[in-house]
Amino acid sequence: MKGLNQFLNTDVEVVISGDTRFVGTLIDIGQDIFVIFDGCNYLYIPLLHLHQMNKAKIMTSTEKPFLINPEDPMIEAETQAFSYRNTLNKVKGQFIEVYVTGGRSIHGYVTNVLNDYIVFFSPVFKILFISMHHLKWFTPYSTEQTPYTLDNSQLPVVPSKVPLVRNFEEQIKKNIGELVIFDMGEVPEKVGLLKDVSNNIIELINASGEPVIWKLNHLKTMHLP
């Protein structure tokens, strides 16, 4: 079966989790990730979130294929074993945009790649723990760009000094007894005092003092206020 390879170097329409849609040129396919170029950005998308891919339909005679610069360093970078984890490790310390949940993406850089989550520094949210199962796509900035046009002095690329463990659930456990924010606070009930973490179940105490239970599998990010 040809699978995705039949679309290499052609313009495609892609649908991923959350009914997010992209149109661009499929330029590479890895073990568990693929890359499309949408005319402006290289979008790295884990295969886990791919719902549909088909050849892009040219709607008018004025539409042209996306033009890719073969000397672009982002293309040259994929000469080694190309996988989701390897790519995240390659972009550590490089400013990127990632999309996880809700109607907004997050800008910053990866500081650590663990077994099933990454540590991400954002100038807005500071240190975020992001489940690798829920990261929908990411795109690197050009080397000249920084988030919000901040100076590099305001965005020091240094590894997180927070003590880390390899597993997302175990990392969350380290914050029992503290106020935590899941999924960037998009739902008020995802903000509260972390009471317990056990067998993939999270217990929070909300602002009213009531317990709220969440299934860890469905939580995408965590950070501290």
N, C-alpha and C. Protein backbone atom coordinates (compact mmCIF):
# COMPACT_ATOMS: atom_id res chain seq x y z
N MET A 1 0.84 -1.19 0.00
CA MET A 1 0.00 0.00 0.00
C MET A 1 0.88 1.25 0.00
N LYS A 2 0.58 2.20 -0.86
CA LYS A 2 1.39 3.41 -0.97
C LYS A 2 1.24 4.30 0.26
N GLY A 3 0.04 4.33 0.84
CA GLY A 3 -0.18 5.15 2.01
C GLY A 3 0.12 6.62 1.76
N LEU A 4 0.67 7.28 2.76
CA LEU A 4 0.93 8.71 2.64
C LEU A 4 2.00 9.04 1.61
N ASN A 5 2.87 8.06 1.32
CA ASN A 5 3.97 8.33 0.40
C ASN A 5 3.50 8.75 -0.99
N GLN A 6 2.28 8.35 -1.36
CA GLN A 6 1.78 8.73 -2.68
C GLN A 6 1.55 10.24 -2.80
N PHE A 7 1.49 10.93 -1.66
CA PHE A 7 1.25 12.37 -1.67
C PHE A 7 2.52 13.20 -1.49
N LEU A 8 3.67 12.54 -1.35
CA LEU A 8 4.92 13.29 -1.14
C LEU A 8 5.14 14.29 -2.26
N ASN A 9 5.54 15.51 -1.86
CA ASN A 9 5.85 16.59 -2.80
C ASN A 9 4.65 17.04 -3.63
N THR A 10 3.45 16.77 -3.14
CA THR A 10 2.25 17.28 -3.79
C THR A 10 1.46 18.11 -2.77
N ASP A 11 0.57 18.93 -3.28
CA ASP A 11 -0.26 19.75 -2.40
C ASP A 11 -1.42 18.91 -1.86
N VAL A 12 -1.62 18.97 -0.56
CA VAL A 12 -2.62 18.13 0.09
C VAL A 12 -3.53 18.96 0.99
N GLU A 13 -4.69 18.41 1.26
CA GLU A 13 -5.59 18.92 2.29
C GLU A 13 -5.52 17.95 3.45
N VAL A 14 -5.36 18.47 4.66
CA VAL A 14 -5.18 17.65 5.85
C VAL A 14 -6.21 18.04 6.90
N VAL A 15 -6.81 17.03 7.53
CA VAL A 15 -7.70 17.26 8.67
C VAL A 15 -7.11 16.53 9.86
N ILE A 16 -6.93 17.25 10.99
CA ILE A 16 -6.39 16.63 12.19
C ILE A 16 -7.38 16.78 13.34
N SER A 17 -7.02 16.23 14.49
CA SER A 17 -7.89 16.28 15.67
C SER A 17 -8.35 17.70 15.94
N GLY A 18 -9.61 17.81 16.37
CA GLY A 18 -10.20 19.12 16.61
C GLY A 18 -10.78 19.73 15.35
N ASP A 19 -10.86 18.92 14.28
CA ASP A 19 -11.36 19.38 12.98
C ASP A 19 -10.56 20.57 12.46
N THR A 20 -9.26 20.56 12.77
CA THR A 20 -8.35 21.59 12.25
C THR A 20 -7.92 21.18 10.85
N ARG A 21 -7.92 22.12 9.92
CA ARG A 21 -7.62 21.83 8.52
C ARG A 21 -6.45 22.66 8.03
N PHE A 22 -5.60 22.01 7.24
CA PHE A 22 -4.46 22.68 6.62
C PHE A 22 -4.42 22.32 5.15
N VAL A 23 -3.87 23.22 4.35
CA VAL A 23 -3.56 22.95 2.95
C VAL A 23 -2.10 23.32 2.74
N GLY A 24 -1.34 22.41 2.14
CA GLY A 24 0.07 22.68 1.91
C GLY A 24 0.72 21.53 1.18
N THR A 25 2.02 21.64 0.99
CA THR A 25 2.79 20.60 0.31
C THR A 25 3.33 19.61 1.34
N LEU A 26 3.07 18.33 1.13
CA LEU A 26 3.62 17.30 2.01
C LEU A 26 5.08 17.11 1.64
N ILE A 27 5.98 17.48 2.55
CA ILE A 27 7.40 17.45 2.19
C ILE A 27 8.18 16.34 2.87
N ASP A 28 7.63 15.74 3.93
CA ASP A 28 8.36 14.64 4.58
C ASP A 28 7.41 13.83 5.44
N ILE A 29 7.74 12.54 5.58
CA ILE A 29 6.97 11.62 6.42
C ILE A 29 7.95 10.83 7.26
N GLY A 30 7.75 10.84 8.57
CA GLY A 30 8.61 10.09 9.47
C GLY A 30 7.91 8.89 10.05
N GLN A 31 8.50 8.32 11.08
CA GLN A 31 7.92 7.14 11.73
C GLN A 31 6.55 7.44 12.31
N ASP A 32 6.40 8.62 12.91
CA ASP A 32 5.15 8.96 13.59
C ASP A 32 4.83 10.45 13.48
N ILE A 33 5.32 11.07 12.42
CA ILE A 33 5.13 12.51 12.22
C ILE A 33 5.25 12.81 10.73
N PHE A 34 4.60 13.89 10.30
CA PHE A 34 4.78 14.33 8.92
C PHE A 34 4.87 15.85 8.90
N VAL A 35 5.35 16.39 7.78
CA VAL A 35 5.56 17.83 7.65
C VAL A 35 4.88 18.34 6.40
N ILE A 36 4.13 19.43 6.54
CA ILE A 36 3.62 20.12 5.36
C ILE A 36 4.10 21.56 5.39
N PHE A 37 4.24 22.13 4.20
CA PHE A 37 4.62 23.54 4.06
C PHE A 37 3.43 24.28 3.50
N ASP A 38 2.90 25.26 4.25
CA ASP A 38 1.66 25.93 3.85
C ASP A 38 1.89 27.23 3.07
N GLY A 39 3.11 27.41 2.60
CA GLY A 39 3.45 28.62 1.87
C GLY A 39 4.20 29.62 2.73
N CYS A 40 4.07 29.48 4.05
CA CYS A 40 4.76 30.36 5.00
C CYS A 40 5.53 29.58 6.05
N ASN A 41 4.93 28.51 6.57
CA ASN A 41 5.48 27.78 7.70
C ASN A 41 5.57 26.29 7.43
N TYR A 42 6.54 25.66 8.12
CA TYR A 42 6.63 24.20 8.13
C TYR A 42 5.86 23.70 9.34
N LEU A 43 4.82 22.94 9.10
CA LEU A 43 3.97 22.42 10.18
C LEU A 43 4.31 20.97 10.44
N TYR A 44 4.77 20.69 11.65
CA TYR A 44 5.12 19.34 12.07
C TYR A 44 3.91 18.76 12.81
N ILE A 45 3.35 17.68 12.28
CA ILE A 45 2.09 17.14 12.79
C ILE A 45 2.27 15.67 13.15
N PRO A 46 2.08 15.29 14.42
CA PRO A 46 2.16 13.87 14.79
C PRO A 46 1.08 13.06 14.07
N LEU A 47 1.46 11.90 13.55
CA LEU A 47 0.50 11.04 12.85
C LEU A 47 -0.66 10.62 13.75
N LEU A 48 -0.43 10.62 15.05
CA LEU A 48 -1.47 10.30 16.02
C LEU A 48 -2.72 11.14 15.78
N HIS A 49 -2.55 12.37 15.30
CA HIS A 49 -3.69 13.29 15.17
C HIS A 49 -4.22 13.41 13.75
N LEU A 50 -3.64 12.65 12.81
CA LEU A 50 -4.13 12.73 11.44
C LEU A 50 -5.47 12.01 11.30
N HIS A 51 -6.47 12.72 10.78
CA HIS A 51 -7.78 12.11 10.50
C HIS A 51 -7.95 11.84 9.02
N GLN A 52 -7.49 12.75 8.19
CA GLN A 52 -7.72 12.63 6.75
C GLN A 52 -6.65 13.37 5.98
N MET A 53 -6.26 12.80 4.83
CA MET A 53 -5.37 13.50 3.90
C MET A 53 -5.80 13.16 2.49
N ASN A 54 -5.89 14.16 1.65
CA ASN A 54 -6.20 13.93 0.24
C ASN A 54 -5.53 15.01 -0.60
N LYS A 55 -5.42 14.74 -1.88
CA LYS A 55 -4.80 15.71 -2.78
C LYS A 55 -5.62 16.98 -2.80
N ALA A 56 -4.93 18.12 -2.72
CA ALA A 56 -5.62 19.41 -2.70
C ALA A 56 -6.30 19.66 -4.03
N LYS A 57 -7.49 20.19 -3.97
CA LYS A 57 -8.25 20.51 -5.17
C LYS A 57 -7.93 21.94 -5.59
N ILE A 58 -7.48 22.11 -6.81
CA ILE A 58 -7.19 23.44 -7.34
C ILE A 58 -8.51 24.07 -7.76
N MET A 59 -8.91 25.14 -7.07
CA MET A 59 -10.23 25.71 -7.29
C MET A 59 -10.29 26.65 -8.49
N THR A 60 -9.20 27.37 -8.77
CA THR A 60 -9.21 28.31 -9.89
C THR A 60 -7.90 28.20 -10.64
N SER A 61 -7.89 28.72 -11.84
CA SER A 61 -6.69 28.65 -12.67
C SER A 61 -5.58 29.56 -12.16
N THR A 62 -5.93 30.48 -11.25
CA THR A 62 -4.93 31.41 -10.73
C THR A 62 -4.17 30.84 -9.55
N GLU A 63 -4.67 29.76 -8.95
CA GLU A 63 -3.99 29.17 -7.79
C GLU A 63 -2.73 28.46 -8.25
N LYS A 64 -1.67 28.59 -7.47
CA LYS A 64 -0.39 28.00 -7.81
C LYS A 64 0.07 27.07 -6.69
N PRO A 65 0.91 26.07 -7.04
CA PRO A 65 1.45 25.20 -5.99
C PRO A 65 2.30 26.01 -5.02
N PHE A 66 2.44 25.51 -3.80
CA PHE A 66 3.31 26.15 -2.82
C PHE A 66 4.76 25.95 -3.25
N LEU A 67 5.54 27.01 -3.22
CA LEU A 67 6.93 26.94 -3.63
C LEU A 67 7.82 26.75 -2.42
N ILE A 68 8.67 25.74 -2.48
CA ILE A 68 9.56 25.40 -1.36
C ILE A 68 11.00 25.67 -1.77
N ASN A 69 11.73 26.30 -0.90
CA ASN A 69 13.14 26.55 -1.14
C ASN A 69 13.92 25.29 -0.77
N PRO A 70 14.53 24.59 -1.74
CA PRO A 70 15.24 23.34 -1.43
C PRO A 70 16.44 23.53 -0.53
N GLU A 71 16.92 24.78 -0.39
CA GLU A 71 18.06 25.04 0.49
C GLU A 71 17.63 25.43 1.89
N ASP A 72 16.34 25.42 2.15
CA ASP A 72 15.85 25.80 3.47
C ASP A 72 16.43 24.86 4.52
N PRO A 73 16.98 25.40 5.62
CA PRO A 73 17.60 24.55 6.66
C PRO A 73 16.62 23.59 7.31
N MET A 74 15.32 23.91 7.30
CA MET A 74 14.35 23.01 7.91
C MET A 74 14.21 21.73 7.12
N ILE A 75 14.49 21.79 5.81
CA ILE A 75 14.46 20.57 5.00
C ILE A 75 15.74 19.78 5.23
N GLU A 76 16.86 20.47 5.25
CA GLU A 76 18.14 19.79 5.44
C GLU A 76 18.23 19.10 6.78
N ALA A 77 17.50 19.60 7.77
CA ALA A 77 17.60 19.07 9.13
C ALA A 77 17.04 17.67 9.26
N GLU A 78 16.24 17.21 8.28
CA GLU A 78 15.57 15.93 8.43
C GLU A 78 16.30 14.78 7.75
N THR A 79 17.63 14.82 7.72
CA THR A 79 18.37 13.77 7.07
C THR A 79 18.58 12.56 7.97
N GLN A 80 18.47 12.73 9.27
CA GLN A 80 18.62 11.63 10.21
C GLN A 80 17.28 10.93 10.41
N ALA A 81 17.24 9.95 11.33
CA ALA A 81 15.99 9.26 11.64
C ALA A 81 14.94 10.29 12.04
N PHE A 82 13.86 10.29 11.32
CA PHE A 82 12.85 11.33 11.47
C PHE A 82 11.68 10.79 12.28
N SER A 83 11.55 11.28 13.51
CA SER A 83 10.45 10.85 14.38
C SER A 83 9.99 12.05 15.20
N TYR A 84 8.84 11.90 15.81
CA TYR A 84 8.25 12.93 16.66
C TYR A 84 9.22 13.32 17.77
N ARG A 85 9.71 12.32 18.52
CA ARG A 85 10.60 12.60 19.64
C ARG A 85 11.91 13.23 19.18
N ASN A 86 12.51 12.67 18.13
CA ASN A 86 13.78 13.23 17.64
C ASN A 86 13.63 14.68 17.21
N THR A 87 12.49 14.98 16.58
CA THR A 87 12.27 16.34 16.11
C THR A 87 12.12 17.31 17.28
N LEU A 88 11.39 16.89 18.31
CA LEU A 88 11.26 17.74 19.50
C LEU A 88 12.62 17.99 20.14
N ASN A 89 13.46 16.97 20.16
CA ASN A 89 14.81 17.15 20.71
C ASN A 89 15.63 18.12 19.86
N LYS A 90 15.45 18.07 18.54
CA LYS A 90 16.20 18.96 17.65
C LYS A 90 15.83 20.42 17.85
N VAL A 91 14.55 20.66 18.18
CA VAL A 91 14.11 22.06 18.30
C VAL A 91 14.24 22.60 19.72
N LYS A 92 14.82 21.83 20.63
CA LYS A 92 15.01 22.33 22.00
C LYS A 92 15.81 23.64 21.95
N GLY A 93 15.30 24.64 22.66
CA GLY A 93 15.99 25.92 22.69
C GLY A 93 15.71 26.82 21.51
N GLN A 94 14.95 26.32 20.54
CA GLN A 94 14.58 27.13 19.37
C GLN A 94 13.15 27.62 19.55
N PHE A 95 12.89 28.86 19.23
CA PHE A 95 11.54 29.39 19.40
C PHE A 95 10.58 28.72 18.42
N ILE A 96 9.48 28.21 18.97
CA ILE A 96 8.48 27.53 18.15
C ILE A 96 7.08 27.95 18.60
N GLU A 97 6.13 27.66 17.75
CA GLU A 97 4.72 27.82 18.07
C GLU A 97 4.11 26.43 18.15
N VAL A 98 3.39 26.14 19.23
CA VAL A 98 2.76 24.83 19.37
C VAL A 98 1.26 25.03 19.58
N TYR A 99 0.50 24.04 19.12
CA TYR A 99 -0.94 24.08 19.34
C TYR A 99 -1.34 22.83 20.11
N VAL A 100 -2.09 23.04 21.19
CA VAL A 100 -2.51 21.93 22.04
C VAL A 100 -4.02 21.89 22.19
N THR A 101 -4.61 23.00 22.59
CA THR A 101 -6.03 22.99 22.90
C THR A 101 -6.63 24.39 22.77
N GLY A 102 -7.94 24.45 22.66
CA GLY A 102 -8.63 25.74 22.62
C GLY A 102 -8.40 26.48 21.32
N GLY A 103 -8.65 27.76 21.35
CA GLY A 103 -8.54 28.56 20.14
C GLY A 103 -7.24 29.32 20.02
N ARG A 104 -6.21 28.89 20.74
CA ARG A 104 -4.96 29.64 20.70
C ARG A 104 -3.77 28.69 20.72
N SER A 105 -2.68 29.14 20.14
CA SER A 105 -1.44 28.39 20.19
C SER A 105 -0.54 29.01 21.26
N ILE A 106 0.57 28.35 21.55
CA ILE A 106 1.50 28.79 22.59
C ILE A 106 2.85 29.05 21.93
N HIS A 107 3.52 30.11 22.32
CA HIS A 107 4.80 30.48 21.74
C HIS A 107 5.88 30.40 22.81
N GLY A 108 7.01 29.84 22.44
CA GLY A 108 8.11 29.71 23.39
C GLY A 108 9.11 28.68 22.89
N TYR A 109 9.66 27.88 23.80
CA TYR A 109 10.61 26.87 23.38
C TYR A 109 10.59 25.66 24.31
N VAL A 110 10.95 24.52 23.75
CA VAL A 110 11.06 23.27 24.49
C VAL A 110 12.36 23.28 25.27
N THR A 111 12.29 22.92 26.56
CA THR A 111 13.52 22.80 27.34
C THR A 111 13.87 21.35 27.63
N ASN A 112 12.87 20.48 27.73
CA ASN A 112 13.12 19.07 28.03
C ASN A 112 12.10 18.21 27.30
N VAL A 113 12.55 17.02 26.88
CA VAL A 113 11.66 16.02 26.28
C VAL A 113 11.75 14.77 27.13
N LEU A 114 10.64 14.42 27.78
CA LEU A 114 10.61 13.26 28.67
C LEU A 114 9.86 12.10 27.99
N ASN A 115 9.48 11.08 28.75
CA ASN A 115 8.85 9.90 28.15
C ASN A 115 7.56 10.23 27.42
N ASP A 116 6.66 10.96 28.07
CA ASP A 116 5.35 11.21 27.46
C ASP A 116 4.91 12.66 27.59
N TYR A 117 5.85 13.55 27.89
CA TYR A 117 5.52 14.97 27.96
C TYR A 117 6.76 15.81 27.69
N ILE A 118 6.52 17.07 27.40
CA ILE A 118 7.63 18.00 27.22
C ILE A 118 7.51 19.12 28.25
N VAL A 119 8.63 19.74 28.55
CA VAL A 119 8.65 20.95 29.37
C VAL A 119 8.84 22.11 28.40
N PHE A 120 7.96 23.09 28.49
CA PHE A 120 7.91 24.18 27.52
C PHE A 120 7.95 25.51 28.26
N PHE A 121 8.85 26.41 27.84
CA PHE A 121 8.88 27.74 28.45
C PHE A 121 8.16 28.72 27.55
N SER A 122 7.16 29.39 28.10
CA SER A 122 6.39 30.41 27.39
C SER A 122 6.54 31.74 28.12
N PRO A 123 6.76 32.84 27.40
CA PRO A 123 6.84 34.13 28.09
C PRO A 123 5.52 34.53 28.75
N VAL A 124 4.41 33.90 28.33
CA VAL A 124 3.10 34.19 28.92
C VAL A 124 2.80 33.27 30.09
N PHE A 125 2.96 31.95 29.89
CA PHE A 125 2.59 30.97 30.91
C PHE A 125 3.78 30.49 31.75
N LYS A 126 4.99 30.92 31.38
CA LYS A 126 6.22 30.45 32.03
C LYS A 126 6.38 28.95 31.79
N ILE A 127 6.59 28.14 32.82
CA ILE A 127 6.88 26.73 32.60
C ILE A 127 5.58 25.93 32.47
N LEU A 128 5.43 25.26 31.33
CA LEU A 128 4.28 24.41 31.05
C LEU A 128 4.74 22.97 30.89
N PHE A 129 3.97 22.04 31.41
CA PHE A 129 4.16 20.62 31.14
C PHE A 129 3.09 20.23 30.12
N ILE A 130 3.50 19.74 28.96
CA ILE A 130 2.57 19.44 27.87
C ILE A 130 2.64 17.96 27.53
N SER A 131 1.50 17.28 27.58
CA SER A 131 1.43 15.88 27.20
C SER A 131 1.75 15.73 25.71
N MET A 132 2.66 14.82 25.37
CA MET A 132 3.00 14.59 23.98
C MET A 132 1.83 13.99 23.21
N HIS A 133 0.90 13.36 23.90
CA HIS A 133 -0.26 12.76 23.22
C HIS A 133 -1.24 13.82 22.74
N HIS A 134 -1.14 15.02 23.28
CA HIS A 134 -2.12 16.06 22.95
C HIS A 134 -1.53 17.22 22.16
N LEU A 135 -0.25 17.17 21.85
CA LEU A 135 0.35 18.23 21.05
C LEU A 135 -0.05 17.99 19.59
N LYS A 136 -0.88 18.89 19.04
CA LYS A 136 -1.46 18.66 17.71
C LYS A 136 -0.50 19.00 16.59
N TRP A 137 0.23 20.10 16.71
CA TRP A 137 1.21 20.48 15.70
C TRP A 137 2.16 21.53 16.29
N PHE A 138 3.30 21.70 15.64
CA PHE A 138 4.20 22.78 16.02
C PHE A 138 4.94 23.27 14.78
N THR A 139 5.37 24.51 14.83
CA THR A 139 6.11 25.09 13.71
C THR A 139 7.25 25.95 14.24
N PRO A 140 8.46 25.76 13.74
CA PRO A 140 9.59 26.57 14.21
C PRO A 140 9.51 28.00 13.67
N TYR A 141 9.98 28.94 14.47
CA TYR A 141 10.16 30.31 14.01
C TYR A 141 11.38 30.36 13.08
N SER A 142 11.44 31.39 12.25
CA SER A 142 12.69 31.65 11.54
C SER A 142 13.72 32.08 12.57
N THR A 143 14.98 31.98 12.22
CA THR A 143 16.05 32.27 13.19
C THR A 143 16.04 33.72 13.65
N GLU A 144 15.43 34.62 12.86
CA GLU A 144 15.43 36.04 13.23
C GLU A 144 14.26 36.41 14.14
N GLN A 145 13.26 35.54 14.26
CA GLN A 145 12.05 35.89 15.00
C GLN A 145 12.12 35.44 16.45
N THR A 146 11.45 36.21 17.31
CA THR A 146 11.22 35.79 18.69
C THR A 146 9.76 36.08 19.02
N PRO A 147 9.17 35.34 19.97
CA PRO A 147 7.77 35.60 20.32
C PRO A 147 7.57 37.03 20.80
N TYR A 148 6.54 37.67 20.27
CA TYR A 148 6.14 39.01 20.69
C TYR A 148 7.24 40.06 20.48
N THR A 149 8.20 39.74 19.62
CA THR A 149 9.37 40.60 19.32
C THR A 149 10.19 40.92 20.57
N LEU A 150 10.14 40.04 21.57
CA LEU A 150 10.93 40.25 22.78
C LEU A 150 12.41 40.06 22.48
N ASP A 151 13.25 40.75 23.22
CA ASP A 151 14.69 40.56 23.09
C ASP A 151 15.09 39.20 23.63
N ASN A 152 16.18 38.67 23.09
CA ASN A 152 16.68 37.39 23.59
C ASN A 152 17.03 37.46 25.07
N SER A 153 17.41 38.65 25.53
CA SER A 153 17.73 38.80 26.95
C SER A 153 16.50 38.59 27.83
N GLN A 154 15.31 38.82 27.25
CA GLN A 154 14.06 38.61 27.98
C GLN A 154 13.57 37.17 27.87
N LEU A 155 14.23 36.40 27.01
CA LEU A 155 13.84 35.00 26.79
C LEU A 155 15.09 34.12 26.88
N PRO A 156 15.69 34.02 28.04
CA PRO A 156 16.92 33.22 28.15
C PRO A 156 16.65 31.75 27.89
N VAL A 157 17.37 31.17 26.94
CA VAL A 157 17.18 29.77 26.61
C VAL A 157 18.01 28.93 27.57
N VAL A 158 17.43 28.57 28.68
CA VAL A 158 18.11 27.77 29.69
C VAL A 158 17.22 26.59 30.06
N PRO A 159 17.81 25.43 30.37
CA PRO A 159 16.99 24.29 30.78
C PRO A 159 16.19 24.60 32.03
N SER A 160 15.03 23.96 32.14
CA SER A 160 14.20 24.13 33.33
C SER A 160 14.94 23.62 34.55
N LYS A 161 14.88 24.41 35.64
CA LYS A 161 15.51 23.98 36.89
C LYS A 161 14.52 23.26 37.80
N VAL A 162 13.29 23.07 37.30
CA VAL A 162 12.28 22.34 38.06
C VAL A 162 12.68 20.86 38.08
N PRO A 163 12.68 20.20 39.25
CA PRO A 163 12.99 18.76 39.29
C PRO A 163 12.00 17.99 38.43
N LEU A 164 12.52 17.12 37.57
CA LEU A 164 11.68 16.43 36.61
C LEU A 164 11.74 14.92 36.79
N VAL A 165 10.63 14.26 36.51
CA VAL A 165 10.59 12.80 36.42
C VAL A 165 10.14 12.45 35.01
N ARG A 166 10.27 11.18 34.62
CA ARG A 166 10.09 10.81 33.23
C ARG A 166 8.64 10.77 32.78
N ASN A 167 7.71 10.61 33.70
CA ASN A 167 6.31 10.35 33.37
C ASN A 167 5.43 11.54 33.72
N PHE A 168 4.47 11.86 32.86
CA PHE A 168 3.59 13.01 33.05
C PHE A 168 2.80 12.90 34.35
N GLU A 169 2.23 11.74 34.62
CA GLU A 169 1.44 11.57 35.84
C GLU A 169 2.31 11.75 37.08
N GLU A 170 3.50 11.18 37.06
CA GLU A 170 4.39 11.30 38.22
C GLU A 170 4.84 12.75 38.41
N GLN A 171 5.03 13.47 37.31
CA GLN A 171 5.42 14.87 37.41
C GLN A 171 4.30 15.69 38.06
N ILE A 172 3.07 15.41 37.68
CA ILE A 172 1.93 16.13 38.26
C ILE A 172 1.83 15.84 39.76
N LYS A 173 2.11 14.60 40.15
CA LYS A 173 2.05 14.24 41.57
C LYS A 173 2.94 15.11 42.44
N LYS A 174 4.04 15.61 41.85
CA LYS A 174 4.97 16.43 42.63
C LYS A 174 4.34 17.74 43.09
N ASN A 175 3.18 18.08 42.50
CA ASN A 175 2.52 19.34 42.86
C ASN A 175 1.28 19.15 43.73
N ILE A 176 1.12 17.95 44.29
CA ILE A 176 0.00 17.73 45.22
C ILE A 176 0.11 18.73 46.38
N GLY A 177 -1.02 19.34 46.72
CA GLY A 177 -1.04 20.35 47.77
C GLY A 177 -0.83 21.77 47.27
N GLU A 178 -0.62 21.92 45.96
CA GLU A 178 -0.41 23.25 45.38
C GLU A 178 -1.57 23.62 44.46
N LEU A 179 -1.69 24.90 44.19
CA LEU A 179 -2.66 25.39 43.21
C LEU A 179 -2.10 25.15 41.82
N VAL A 180 -2.88 24.49 40.96
CA VAL A 180 -2.42 24.16 39.61
C VAL A 180 -3.46 24.60 38.59
N ILE A 181 -3.01 24.70 37.35
CA ILE A 181 -3.88 25.09 36.24
C ILE A 181 -3.70 24.07 35.12
N PHE A 182 -4.77 23.39 34.74
CA PHE A 182 -4.73 22.46 33.63
C PHE A 182 -5.31 23.12 32.38
N ASP A 183 -4.74 22.76 31.24
CA ASP A 183 -5.23 23.22 29.93
C ASP A 183 -5.36 24.74 29.87
N MET A 184 -4.39 25.40 30.48
CA MET A 184 -4.26 26.87 30.45
C MET A 184 -5.49 27.58 31.00
N GLY A 185 -6.25 26.86 31.85
CA GLY A 185 -7.39 27.47 32.51
C GLY A 185 -8.57 27.76 31.61
N GLU A 186 -8.65 27.07 30.46
CA GLU A 186 -9.75 27.33 29.52
C GLU A 186 -11.11 27.00 30.11
N VAL A 187 -11.11 26.09 31.10
CA VAL A 187 -12.34 25.73 31.84
C VAL A 187 -12.08 26.05 33.31
N PRO A 188 -12.93 26.83 33.95
CA PRO A 188 -12.69 27.20 35.35
C PRO A 188 -12.50 26.00 36.27
N GLU A 189 -13.18 24.89 35.98
CA GLU A 189 -13.07 23.71 36.85
C GLU A 189 -11.74 22.97 36.69
N LYS A 190 -10.89 23.47 35.78
CA LYS A 190 -9.56 22.88 35.62
C LYS A 190 -8.51 23.67 36.39
N VAL A 191 -8.96 24.57 37.23
CA VAL A 191 -8.07 25.35 38.10
C VAL A 191 -8.43 25.03 39.54
N GLY A 192 -7.44 24.66 40.35
CA GLY A 192 -7.76 24.37 41.74
C GLY A 192 -6.58 23.82 42.51
N LEU A 193 -6.84 23.47 43.75
CA LEU A 193 -5.84 22.84 44.61
C LEU A 193 -5.74 21.37 44.25
N LEU A 194 -4.53 20.92 43.92
CA LEU A 194 -4.34 19.52 43.54
C LEU A 194 -4.37 18.66 44.80
N LYS A 195 -5.43 17.88 44.94
CA LYS A 195 -5.64 17.08 46.14
C LYS A 195 -5.02 15.70 46.03
N ASP A 196 -5.20 15.05 44.87
CA ASP A 196 -4.71 13.68 44.73
C ASP A 196 -4.51 13.34 43.26
N VAL A 197 -3.56 12.43 43.01
CA VAL A 197 -3.30 11.88 41.68
C VAL A 197 -3.10 10.39 41.86
N SER A 198 -4.00 9.59 41.29
CA SER A 198 -3.91 8.15 41.49
C SER A 198 -4.62 7.42 40.37
N ASN A 199 -3.92 6.43 39.79
CA ASN A 199 -4.52 5.57 38.76
C ASN A 199 -5.18 6.37 37.64
N ASN A 200 -4.47 7.39 37.18
CA ASN A 200 -4.93 8.19 36.05
C ASN A 200 -6.12 9.09 36.39
N ILE A 201 -6.38 9.28 37.67
CA ILE A 201 -7.47 10.14 38.13
C ILE A 201 -6.89 11.32 38.91
N ILE A 202 -7.35 12.52 38.56
CA ILE A 202 -6.92 13.75 39.22
C ILE A 202 -8.07 14.28 40.08
N GLU A 203 -7.78 14.64 41.33
CA GLU A 203 -8.78 15.29 42.16
C GLU A 203 -8.33 16.71 42.47
N LEU A 204 -9.17 17.66 42.06
CA LEU A 204 -8.92 19.07 42.35
C LEU A 204 -9.96 19.58 43.33
N ILE A 205 -9.59 20.58 44.10
CA ILE A 205 -10.55 21.31 44.93
C ILE A 205 -10.74 22.67 44.27
N ASN A 206 -11.96 22.96 43.84
CA ASN A 206 -12.19 24.20 43.11
C ASN A 206 -12.29 25.41 44.04
N ALA A 207 -12.55 26.57 43.47
CA ALA A 207 -12.57 27.81 44.25
C ALA A 207 -13.65 27.81 45.32
N SER A 208 -14.70 27.01 45.11
CA SER A 208 -15.80 26.93 46.09
C SER A 208 -15.55 25.88 47.16
N GLY A 209 -14.40 25.19 47.06
CA GLY A 209 -14.08 24.16 48.04
C GLY A 209 -14.66 22.80 47.72
N GLU A 210 -15.21 22.65 46.50
CA GLU A 210 -15.81 21.38 46.10
C GLU A 210 -14.80 20.53 45.33
N PRO A 211 -14.81 19.20 45.54
CA PRO A 211 -13.92 18.33 44.78
C PRO A 211 -14.39 18.18 43.33
N VAL A 212 -13.43 18.16 42.42
CA VAL A 212 -13.71 17.95 40.99
C VAL A 212 -12.75 16.86 40.50
N ILE A 213 -13.30 15.87 39.81
CA ILE A 213 -12.50 14.75 39.32
C ILE A 213 -12.27 14.91 37.81
N TRP A 214 -11.03 14.68 37.40
CA TRP A 214 -10.68 14.69 35.99
C TRP A 214 -9.91 13.42 35.64
N LYS A 215 -10.12 12.90 34.44
CA LYS A 215 -9.33 11.78 33.93
C LYS A 215 -8.05 12.35 33.31
N LEU A 216 -6.92 11.90 33.79
CA LEU A 216 -5.64 12.47 33.37
C LEU A 216 -5.43 12.36 31.86
N ASN A 217 -5.92 11.27 31.25
CA ASN A 217 -5.73 11.07 29.81
C ASN A 217 -6.26 12.24 28.98
N HIS A 218 -7.23 12.96 29.54
CA HIS A 218 -7.87 14.03 28.78
C HIS A 218 -7.33 15.41 29.15
N LEU A 219 -6.35 15.46 30.03
CA LEU A 219 -5.72 16.73 30.39
C LEU A 219 -4.47 16.91 29.55
N LYS A 220 -4.30 18.09 29.00
CA LYS A 220 -3.29 18.32 27.97
C LYS A 220 -2.05 19.05 28.49
N THR A 221 -2.27 20.04 29.35
CA THR A 221 -1.15 20.81 29.89
C THR A 221 -1.36 21.07 31.37
N MET A 222 -0.27 21.36 32.06
CA MET A 222 -0.35 21.80 33.45
C MET A 222 0.70 22.87 33.68
N HIS A 223 0.31 23.91 34.42
CA HIS A 223 1.31 24.88 34.87
C HIS A 223 0.86 25.44 36.21
N LEU A 224 1.77 26.12 36.87
CA LEU A 224 1.49 26.73 38.17
C LEU A 224 1.19 28.21 37.97
N PRO A 225 0.35 28.79 38.82
CA PRO A 225 0.04 30.23 38.69
C PRO A 225 1.25 31.10 39.02
